[in-house]
Protein backbone atom coordinates (compact mmCIF):
# COMPACT_ATOMS: atom_id res chain seq x y z
CA MET A 1 0.00 0.00 0.00
CA MET A 2 1.26 3.49 -0.88
CA ASP A 3 1.00 5.89 2.07
CA SER A 4 1.34 9.27 0.32
CA LEU A 5 0.06 10.98 -2.80
CA ASP A 6 3.61 11.44 -4.13
CA ALA A 7 4.20 7.71 -3.76
CA VAL A 8 1.01 6.98 -5.70
CA VAL A 9 2.04 9.25 -8.56
CA THR A 10 5.54 7.75 -8.62
CA GLN A 11 4.23 4.19 -8.79
CA VAL A 12 1.77 5.13 -11.55
CA GLN A 13 4.61 6.59 -13.60
CA ALA A 14 6.77 3.50 -13.03
CA LEU A 15 4.17 0.75 -13.55
CA SER A 16 2.23 1.90 -16.62
CA GLY A 17 4.35 0.12 -19.22
CA SER A 18 3.75 -3.60 -19.68
CA ALA A 19 0.49 -5.48 -19.16
CA ASP A 20 1.90 -7.29 -16.09
CA ASP A 21 2.97 -3.99 -14.53
CA CYS A 22 -0.51 -2.55 -15.06
CA VAL A 23 -2.12 -5.55 -13.37
CA HIS A 24 0.23 -5.08 -10.39
CA LEU A 25 -0.52 -1.34 -10.38
CA ALA A 26 -4.27 -2.04 -10.31
CA GLY A 27 -3.83 -3.97 -7.05
CA LEU A 28 -1.72 -1.21 -5.49
CA LEU A 29 -4.19 1.50 -6.47
CA LYS A 30 -7.10 -0.47 -5.03
CA GLN A 31 -5.26 -0.70 -1.71
CA SER A 32 -4.52 3.04 -1.77
CA GLU A 33 -8.07 4.31 -2.24
CA SER A 34 -8.16 5.68 1.31
CA VAL A 35 -5.05 7.76 0.58
CA LEU A 36 -6.63 9.18 -2.55
CA ALA A 37 -9.84 9.98 -0.67
CA VAL A 38 -7.90 12.05 1.89
CA HIS A 39 -6.20 14.07 -0.85
CA ALA A 40 -9.29 14.37 -3.09
CA PRO A 41 -9.21 18.22 -3.36
CA ARG A 42 -5.54 18.14 -4.52
CA LEU A 43 -5.85 15.33 -7.03
CA LEU A 44 -6.65 17.55 -10.01
CA TYR A 45 -3.24 19.22 -9.56
CA ALA A 46 -1.49 15.85 -9.17
CA LEU A 47 -2.95 14.77 -12.51
CA ALA A 48 -0.71 17.34 -14.21
CA ALA A 49 2.20 14.96 -13.58
CA LEU A 50 0.50 12.12 -15.48
CA ASP A 51 -0.18 11.49 -19.16
CA PRO A 52 -3.85 10.38 -19.59
CA ALA A 53 -2.92 8.25 -22.62
CA LYS A 54 0.16 6.61 -21.12
CA HIS A 55 -0.84 6.45 -17.42
CA SER A 56 -4.55 5.78 -18.00
CA LEU A 57 -5.12 3.41 -15.06
CA GLY A 58 -3.59 5.74 -12.48
CA TYR A 59 -5.19 8.78 -14.08
CA LEU A 60 -8.56 7.04 -13.81
CA TYR A 61 -8.17 6.36 -10.09
CA LEU A 62 -7.08 9.90 -9.29
CA LEU A 63 -9.76 11.57 -11.40
CA GLU A 64 -12.51 9.33 -10.00
CA ALA A 65 -11.40 10.01 -6.42
CA HIS A 66 -11.32 13.75 -7.12
CA SER A 67 -14.91 13.71 -8.39
CA SER A 68 -16.27 11.62 -5.50
CA GLY A 69 -16.91 14.61 -3.28
CA THR A 70 -19.00 17.74 -3.75
CA LEU A 71 -17.54 19.95 -6.47
CA SER A 72 -17.86 23.71 -6.68
CA LYS A 73 -19.02 25.26 -9.93
CA GLU A 74 -15.42 26.03 -10.92
CA GLN A 75 -14.25 22.53 -9.95
CA ALA A 76 -17.12 20.97 -11.87
CA GLY A 77 -16.10 22.82 -15.02
CA SER A 78 -12.47 21.71 -14.65
CA PHE A 79 -13.59 18.13 -14.00
CA VAL A 80 -15.74 18.04 -17.16
CA VAL A 81 -12.80 19.27 -19.26
CA ALA A 82 -10.34 16.81 -17.67
CA ALA A 83 -12.75 13.84 -17.87
CA SER A 84 -13.71 14.60 -21.48
CA ASN A 85 -10.07 14.72 -22.53
CA PHE A 86 -9.26 11.55 -20.58
CA LEU A 87 -12.09 9.50 -22.11
CA THR A 88 -10.99 10.56 -25.58
CA VAL A 89 -7.31 9.55 -25.27
CA CYS A 90 -7.16 6.86 -22.53
CA SER A 91 -5.87 3.35 -23.13
CA ALA A 92 -8.63 0.77 -23.54
CA ASP A 93 -6.44 -2.04 -22.18
CA GLN A 94 -5.66 -0.15 -18.99
CA ILE A 95 -9.14 1.13 -18.15
CA ARG A 96 -10.63 -2.37 -18.54
CA LEU A 97 -8.56 -3.38 -15.50
CA ALA A 98 -10.86 -1.13 -13.42
CA ILE A 99 -14.08 -1.16 -15.41
CA ASP A 100 -16.28 -0.33 -12.41
CA LYS A 101 -14.22 2.80 -11.67
CA PHE A 102 -14.40 3.73 -15.33
CA ASN A 103 -18.19 3.40 -15.41
CA ILE A 104 -18.51 5.54 -12.26
CA LEU A 105 -16.32 8.25 -13.76
CA CYS A 106 -18.35 8.31 -16.98
CA ARG A 107 -21.60 8.52 -15.03
CA ARG A 108 -20.29 11.47 -13.03
CA LEU A 109 -19.32 13.23 -16.24
CA LYS A 110 -22.87 12.68 -17.50
CA ASP A 111 -24.34 14.00 -14.23
CA GLN A 112 -22.15 17.10 -14.22
CA ALA A 113 -22.96 17.87 -17.86
CA MET A 114 -26.66 17.64 -17.05
CA GLN A 115 -26.30 19.86 -13.97
CA MET A 116 -24.51 22.44 -16.10
CA MET A 117 -27.42 22.24 -18.59
CA GLU A 118 -24.96 21.28 -21.32
CA PRO A 119 -25.62 17.58 -22.01
CA SER A 120 -24.25 17.83 -25.54
CA CYS A 121 -20.70 18.48 -24.28
CA ALA A 122 -20.46 14.92 -22.93
CA ILE A 123 -21.81 13.10 -26.01
CA LEU A 124 -18.53 12.61 -27.90
CA PRO A 125 -16.44 11.71 -24.79
CA LEU A 126 -19.04 9.16 -23.69
CA TYR A 127 -19.17 7.63 -27.17
CA ALA A 128 -15.39 7.21 -27.06
CA ALA A 129 -15.74 5.66 -23.58
CA ILE A 130 -18.28 3.11 -24.84
CA ARG A 131 -16.01 1.96 -27.65
CA LYS A 132 -13.04 1.62 -25.28
CA SER A 133 -14.94 -0.27 -22.60
CA GLN A 134 -16.47 -2.76 -25.10
CA PRO A 135 -14.55 -5.98 -25.82
CA SER A 136 -16.34 -5.69 -29.20
CA SER A 137 -19.28 -3.76 -30.65
CA GLU A 138 -21.55 -6.73 -29.80
CA TYR A 139 -21.31 -6.00 -26.06
CA LEU A 140 -23.82 -3.88 -24.16
CA THR A 141 -22.31 -1.64 -21.47
CA PRO A 142 -23.76 0.50 -18.65
CA LEU A 143 -22.67 3.57 -20.63
CA HIS A 144 -25.08 2.89 -23.48
CA ALA A 145 -28.09 4.15 -21.52
CA ASP A 146 -26.22 7.25 -20.28
CA TYR A 147 -25.13 8.09 -23.83
CA LEU A 148 -28.68 7.75 -25.17
CA LEU A 149 -30.02 9.95 -22.37
CA LEU A 150 -27.56 12.70 -23.31
CA CYS A 151 -28.63 12.39 -26.96
CA LEU A 152 -32.29 12.71 -25.94
CA LEU A 153 -31.70 15.74 -23.73
CA SER A 154 -29.62 17.40 -26.46
CA LYS A 155 -32.14 16.42 -29.17
CA CYS A 156 -29.20 14.91 -31.09
CA TYR A 157 -31.24 11.89 -32.10
CA LYS A 158 -29.08 10.84 -35.03
CA ALA A 159 -26.01 10.70 -32.77
CA GLY A 160 -27.75 7.91 -30.86
CA LEU A 161 -27.80 5.77 -34.00
CA ASN A 162 -24.02 5.38 -33.63
CA ILE A 163 -24.68 2.69 -31.02
CA LEU A 164 -28.33 1.80 -31.58
CA GLU A 165 -27.58 0.30 -34.98
CA ASP A 166 -25.01 -2.11 -33.51
CA ASP A 167 -26.13 -5.73 -33.23
CA ILE A 168 -25.96 -6.50 -29.50
CA PHE A 169 -25.42 -10.19 -28.72
CA GLU A 170 -23.31 -10.16 -25.55
CA ILE A 171 -24.30 -9.20 -22.00
CA ASP A 172 -21.41 -9.90 -19.63
CA GLN A 173 -21.54 -8.35 -16.17
CA LYS A 174 -17.97 -9.33 -15.29
CA ARG A 175 -16.41 -7.72 -18.35
CA THR A 176 -18.58 -4.59 -18.61
CA GLY A 177 -20.19 -4.08 -15.18
CA LEU A 178 -23.67 -4.16 -16.74
CA MET A 179 -26.65 -4.39 -14.36
CA PRO A 180 -30.31 -5.25 -15.17
CA ARG A 181 -31.34 -1.61 -14.70
CA ASP A 182 -28.79 -0.56 -17.34
CA PHE A 183 -30.33 -2.96 -19.86
CA LEU A 184 -33.86 -1.70 -19.19
CA LEU A 185 -32.81 1.95 -19.49
CA HIS A 186 -30.97 1.23 -22.72
CA CYS A 187 -34.18 -0.24 -24.17
CA TYR A 188 -36.34 2.61 -22.84
CA TYR A 189 -34.11 5.47 -23.99
CA GLY A 190 -33.45 3.71 -27.31
CA GLY A 191 -37.20 3.46 -27.93
CA MET A 192 -37.64 7.15 -27.10
CA LEU A 193 -34.85 8.12 -29.44
CA TYR A 194 -36.41 6.14 -32.30
CA ILE A 195 -39.70 7.92 -31.58
CA GLY A 196 -37.87 11.21 -32.04
CA LEU A 197 -36.66 9.95 -35.43
CA LYS A 198 -40.21 8.78 -36.34
CA ARG A 199 -38.93 5.22 -36.72
CA PHE A 200 -41.81 3.70 -34.80
CA GLY A 201 -41.13 0.09 -35.82
CA LYS A 202 -37.66 0.16 -34.23
CA ALA A 203 -39.07 1.95 -31.17
CA LEU A 204 -41.51 -0.93 -30.66
CA GLU A 205 -38.64 -3.43 -30.77
CA PHE A 206 -36.78 -1.64 -27.99
CA PHE A 207 -39.84 -1.18 -25.78
CA GLN A 208 -40.73 -4.85 -26.23
CA HIS A 209 -37.23 -5.85 -25.08
CA ALA A 210 -37.82 -3.91 -21.86
CA ILE A 211 -41.26 -5.47 -21.36
CA THR A 212 -40.16 -9.05 -21.97
CA ALA A 213 -36.86 -8.93 -20.06
CA PRO A 214 -36.64 -11.60 -17.31
CA ALA A 215 -38.13 -10.24 -14.08
CA THR A 216 -39.48 -11.41 -10.72
CA VAL A 217 -41.06 -8.07 -9.79
CA LEU A 218 -42.60 -5.24 -11.78
CA ASN A 219 -40.49 -2.08 -12.00
CA ALA A 220 -41.10 1.53 -13.01
CA ILE A 221 -38.99 1.32 -16.20
CA THR A 222 -41.02 -1.59 -17.55
CA ILE A 223 -44.29 0.24 -16.77
CA ALA A 224 -43.09 3.43 -18.49
CA ALA A 225 -41.89 1.42 -21.51
CA TYR A 226 -45.23 -0.36 -21.79
CA LYS A 227 -47.22 2.88 -21.74
CA LYS A 228 -45.19 4.22 -24.64
CA PHE A 229 -45.40 0.81 -26.32
CA VAL A 230 -49.23 0.99 -26.33
CA LEU A 231 -49.29 4.46 -27.87
CA VAL A 232 -46.65 3.68 -30.50
CA CYS A 233 -48.49 0.46 -31.43
CA LEU A 234 -51.63 2.49 -32.12
CA ILE A 235 -49.68 5.01 -34.19
CA HIS A 236 -47.72 2.43 -36.16
CA ASN A 237 -50.02 -0.61 -36.38
CA GLY A 238 -53.46 0.57 -35.26
CA GLN A 239 -53.72 -2.10 -32.56
CA VAL A 240 -51.95 -3.43 -29.46
CA PRO A 241 -50.77 -7.05 -29.79
CA PRO A 242 -51.00 -9.57 -26.91
CA PHE A 243 -47.95 -10.24 -24.76
CA PRO A 244 -45.41 -12.62 -26.32
CA LYS A 245 -45.32 -16.06 -24.69
CA TYR A 246 -41.88 -15.42 -23.22
CA THR A 247 -43.04 -12.35 -21.27
CA PRO A 248 -42.47 -12.88 -17.50
CA SER A 249 -45.66 -13.95 -15.73
CA VAL A 250 -45.41 -11.11 -13.18
CA VAL A 251 -45.47 -8.64 -16.07
CA GLN A 252 -48.43 -10.28 -17.77
CA ARG A 253 -50.45 -10.37 -14.53
CA ASN A 254 -49.86 -6.84 -13.30
CA LEU A 255 -48.89 -4.56 -16.17
CA LYS A 256 -52.35 -3.90 -17.57
CA SER A 257 -53.65 -2.64 -14.23
CA CYS A 258 -50.81 -0.08 -14.19
CA ALA A 259 -51.78 1.29 -17.61
CA GLN A 260 -55.59 1.14 -17.60
CA ASP A 261 -55.96 4.65 -19.07
CA TYR A 262 -53.88 3.54 -22.04
CA PHE A 263 -56.01 0.44 -22.55
CA ASP A 264 -59.13 2.59 -22.55
CA LEU A 265 -57.62 4.60 -25.40
CA ALA A 266 -56.63 1.44 -27.28
CA ASN A 267 -60.13 -0.03 -27.01
CA LEU A 268 -61.74 3.18 -28.30
CA TYR A 269 -59.21 3.36 -31.12
CA ASN A 270 -60.56 0.07 -32.45
CA SER A 271 -63.95 1.73 -32.91
CA ARG A 272 -62.37 4.09 -35.49
CA ASN A 273 -64.45 6.96 -34.13
CA ILE A 274 -62.37 10.12 -34.00
CA MET A 275 -64.61 11.96 -31.55
CA ASP A 276 -64.56 9.11 -29.02
CA VAL A 277 -60.78 8.92 -29.19
CA LYS A 278 -60.46 12.68 -28.75
CA ARG A 279 -62.76 12.60 -25.71
CA CYS A 280 -60.68 9.82 -24.17
CA VAL A 281 -57.42 11.74 -24.65
CA ASN A 282 -58.99 14.87 -23.13
CA ALA A 283 -60.40 12.88 -20.19
CA HIS A 284 -56.99 11.36 -19.40
CA GLU A 285 -54.95 14.44 -20.35
CA ASP A 286 -53.44 14.83 -16.87
CA VAL A 287 -52.31 11.19 -16.85
CA PHE A 288 -50.68 11.46 -20.27
CA LYS A 289 -49.05 14.77 -19.33
CA ASN A 290 -47.62 13.39 -16.07
CA ASP A 291 -46.21 10.42 -17.99
CA THR A 292 -44.76 12.83 -20.62
CA ASN A 293 -46.89 11.02 -23.20
CA LEU A 294 -49.36 13.74 -24.19
CA GLY A 295 -47.54 14.40 -27.46
CA LEU A 296 -47.73 10.72 -28.36
CA ALA A 297 -51.43 10.62 -27.41
CA ASN A 298 -52.10 13.48 -29.83
CA GLN A 299 -50.19 11.58 -32.52
CA VAL A 300 -52.54 8.67 -31.90
CA ILE A 301 -55.45 10.94 -32.87
CA ALA A 302 -53.61 12.07 -36.02
CA SER A 303 -52.83 8.46 -36.93
CA LEU A 304 -56.53 7.55 -36.78
CA TYR A 305 -57.31 10.26 -39.34
CA LYS A 306 -54.65 8.76 -41.61
CA ARG A 307 -55.81 5.21 -41.05
CA ASN A 308 -59.40 6.12 -41.89
CA ILE A 309 -58.22 7.83 -45.07
CA GLN A 310 -56.18 4.75 -46.00
CA ARG A 311 -59.31 2.61 -45.65
CA LEU A 312 -61.02 4.78 -48.23
CA THR A 313 -58.29 3.91 -50.77
CA GLN A 314 -59.32 0.26 -50.47
CA THR A 315 -62.91 1.06 -51.45
CA TYR A 316 -62.87 4.04 -53.83
CA LEU A 317 -60.88 4.99 -56.93
CA THR A 318 -61.94 8.65 -56.78
CA LEU A 319 -63.54 10.71 -54.03
CA SER A 320 -64.12 14.40 -53.43
CA LEU A 321 -62.28 16.27 -50.70
CA GLN A 322 -65.62 17.16 -49.12
CA ASP A 323 -66.68 13.50 -48.97
CA ILE A 324 -63.33 12.56 -47.42
CA ALA A 325 -63.73 15.31 -44.82
CA ASP A 326 -67.25 14.15 -43.95
CA THR A 327 -66.32 10.46 -43.76
CA VAL A 328 -63.14 10.95 -41.73
CA GLN A 329 -64.68 13.70 -39.51
CA LEU A 330 -62.36 16.50 -40.58
CA ASP A 331 -63.39 20.16 -40.41
CA GLY A 332 -63.58 20.66 -44.16
CA PRO A 333 -62.08 19.98 -47.62
CA LYS A 334 -59.07 22.21 -46.93
CA GLU A 335 -58.05 20.17 -43.89
CA ALA A 336 -58.66 16.95 -45.85
CA GLU A 337 -56.38 18.24 -48.60
CA LEU A 338 -53.59 18.99 -46.09
CA HIS A 339 -53.85 15.49 -44.61
CA ILE A 340 -53.75 13.83 -48.02
CA LEU A 341 -50.79 15.92 -49.22
CA GLN A 342 -48.82 14.99 -46.09
CA MET A 343 -49.67 11.30 -46.54
CA ILE A 344 -48.58 11.41 -50.18
CA GLN A 345 -45.30 13.05 -49.15
CA ASP A 346 -44.71 10.38 -46.47
CA GLY A 347 -45.48 7.57 -48.93
CA GLU A 348 -48.48 6.37 -46.91
CA ILE A 349 -50.88 6.60 -49.86
CA PHE A 350 -50.53 7.15 -53.61
CA ALA A 351 -52.94 9.68 -55.04
CA THR A 352 -53.37 12.85 -57.12
CA ILE A 353 -55.58 15.85 -56.33
CA ASN A 354 -57.43 17.73 -59.06
CA GLN A 355 -57.49 21.30 -57.77
CA LYS A 356 -60.17 22.35 -60.28
CA ASP A 357 -62.97 20.04 -59.15
CA GLY A 358 -61.60 19.03 -55.72
CA MET A 359 -61.43 15.32 -56.61
CA VAL A 360 -58.86 12.86 -55.31
CA SER A 361 -57.79 9.90 -57.46
CA PHE A 362 -56.26 7.00 -55.53
CA GLN A 363 -53.53 4.97 -57.25
CA GLU A 364 -51.53 1.75 -56.85
CA ASP A 365 -48.00 1.67 -55.45
CA PRO A 366 -45.73 2.66 -58.38
CA GLU A 367 -42.68 0.84 -56.96
CA GLN A 368 -41.51 -1.86 -59.40
CA TYR A 369 -38.67 -3.14 -57.14
CA ASN A 370 -36.23 -3.14 -60.07
CA THR A 371 -33.97 -0.17 -59.25
CA ARG A 372 -30.35 -0.21 -58.14
CA LYS A 373 -31.32 1.35 -54.82
CA MET A 374 -33.84 -1.42 -54.11
CA ALA A 375 -31.30 -4.11 -55.11
CA ASN A 376 -28.72 -2.64 -52.72
CA MET A 377 -31.30 -2.51 -49.96
CA LEU A 378 -32.26 -6.17 -50.47
CA ASP A 379 -28.59 -7.20 -50.59
CA SER A 380 -27.92 -5.36 -47.33
CA GLU A 381 -30.83 -7.13 -45.63
CA ILE A 382 -29.69 -10.52 -46.93
CA GLN A 383 -26.14 -9.97 -45.68
CA HIS A 384 -27.51 -8.94 -42.29
CA ILE A 385 -29.59 -12.12 -42.09
CA ILE A 386 -26.54 -14.23 -43.03
CA ARG A 387 -24.52 -12.62 -40.21
CA LEU A 388 -27.35 -13.28 -37.74
CA ALA A 389 -27.57 -16.93 -38.86
CA LYS A 390 -23.84 -17.42 -38.32
CA LYS A 391 -24.05 -15.82 -34.89
CA LEU A 392 -27.01 -18.01 -33.96
CA SER A 393 -25.11 -21.14 -35.01
CA SER A 394 -22.13 -20.04 -32.91
CA VAL A 395 -24.29 -19.44 -29.85
CA ASP A 396 -26.02 -22.79 -30.37
CA GLU A 397 -22.65 -24.57 -30.38
CA GLN A 398 -21.60 -22.79 -27.19
CA VAL A 399 -24.81 -23.81 -25.43
CA LEU A 400 -24.45 -27.44 -26.51
CA CYS A 401 -20.96 -27.51 -24.98
CA ASP A 402 -21.92 -25.72 -21.77
CA GLN A 403 -21.52 -28.01 -18.73
CA ASN A 404 -24.37 -26.37 -16.80
CA TYR A 405 -26.74 -26.91 -19.73
CA LEU A 406 -25.65 -30.51 -20.24
CA SER A 407 -26.08 -31.35 -16.56
CA LYS A 408 -29.51 -29.72 -16.56
CA ILE A 409 -30.85 -31.66 -19.53
CA GLY A 410 -29.22 -34.80 -18.14
CA LYS A 411 -31.30 -34.50 -14.97
CA ASP A 412 -34.52 -33.78 -16.84
CA ARG A 413 -34.08 -36.52 -19.43
CA PRO A 414 -35.42 -40.05 -18.65
CA ARG A 415 -32.79 -42.67 -17.97
CA TYR A 416 -33.96 -44.62 -21.01
CA ASP A 417 -35.13 -42.70 -24.05
CA PRO A 418 -37.25 -44.68 -26.56
CA ASP A 419 -35.36 -42.97 -29.35
CA ASP A 420 -32.13 -44.57 -28.11
CA PHE A 421 -33.39 -47.99 -29.21
CA GLU A 422 -33.41 -46.83 -32.83
CA LEU A 423 -29.62 -46.95 -32.67
CA VAL A 424 -29.59 -50.63 -31.61
CA PRO A 425 -29.14 -53.14 -34.48
CA GLN A 426 -32.22 -55.24 -35.21
CA LYS A 427 -30.29 -58.49 -34.61
CA MET A 428 -29.99 -57.68 -30.90
CA TYR A 429 -33.79 -57.73 -30.53
CA THR A 430 -33.96 -61.25 -31.98
CA ASN A 431 -31.43 -62.55 -29.45
CA LEU A 432 -33.43 -61.30 -26.45
């Protein structure tokens, strides 16, 4: 154990070379945490003697200890600058020797950036931290949720796609420090970010991951995810599907009672009556507002207008704007025209409007699926499916070789399996 701050700095400088030295240094630093806590106010000055890229492990311990106490406004600003620089240049191999410390430091940077009302300043450093803490891009880390939260608060939705579009296959608490709450928040914030991008299908995937995650008790994140899931289902699909079979039983039993107002809206949505849906949203306005879902609830109303217009395209070839307004319960032909123009622009219907007589002609989808762009899109999807198939085969092989799995199925399997006798030559039966 090192008994002074100077001794700590000296050892960090001496033992930051080889991998073996860094492992030894990690043990010494862990034993010296009490020394660092005593000198916490001075640690920012001591960091001047260290190179954050070369002495990353020691730099991490000192910077984390410095930020553990209450920081003044000036100290907080200096900490944000120092932490941002450190996360950008630090050594991935060294910081993985103290991954819990690294996660704590990143979370404090996120908290300070939010307190300073400047969440965007921590986006790039935290992205660099995620990449350095991941053994590969397939691993989920505790920093994913913090990064997505900063993107949401900064309204930098596209920045969140940098990690959301990764295929996550690995969840390893020992290597990344991930906890169940981190997974749920990653799903919840990811779904919210996709809502901001109007990619409702992807938002539903993330919310469903949060709802169906293994659980023994119901938690607030799952409830919040389900409420948004109901509203996004109505916007995107027009109905709320039943729970998947693999949803935890505690979720299936209790979740609906926690979101009854949302189920009332879903039931009325099925009636296709705009006025009833509007009255329901107005009646539960306080609930939706407290859940920060009022904007989504209003989008549900707008989606019902669109869905009712889409139904008309299945019945009529031409229809006047006035008839559309009357059927869909819009205020008049002008509002009907605005809705139809927006739907044409979004590719939700295919139609032309004759301004002279106010008639709308509905058309078939003109896409012939024979363009270079469509071919590239199909090829990309096929390659993605091939990668998923290879990963699934790899995981299947790992499971089949896992001792815990083999012992489990060995206990559950009967001592004599009728299928085993198919392997016995027929001659053996005749000799019995």
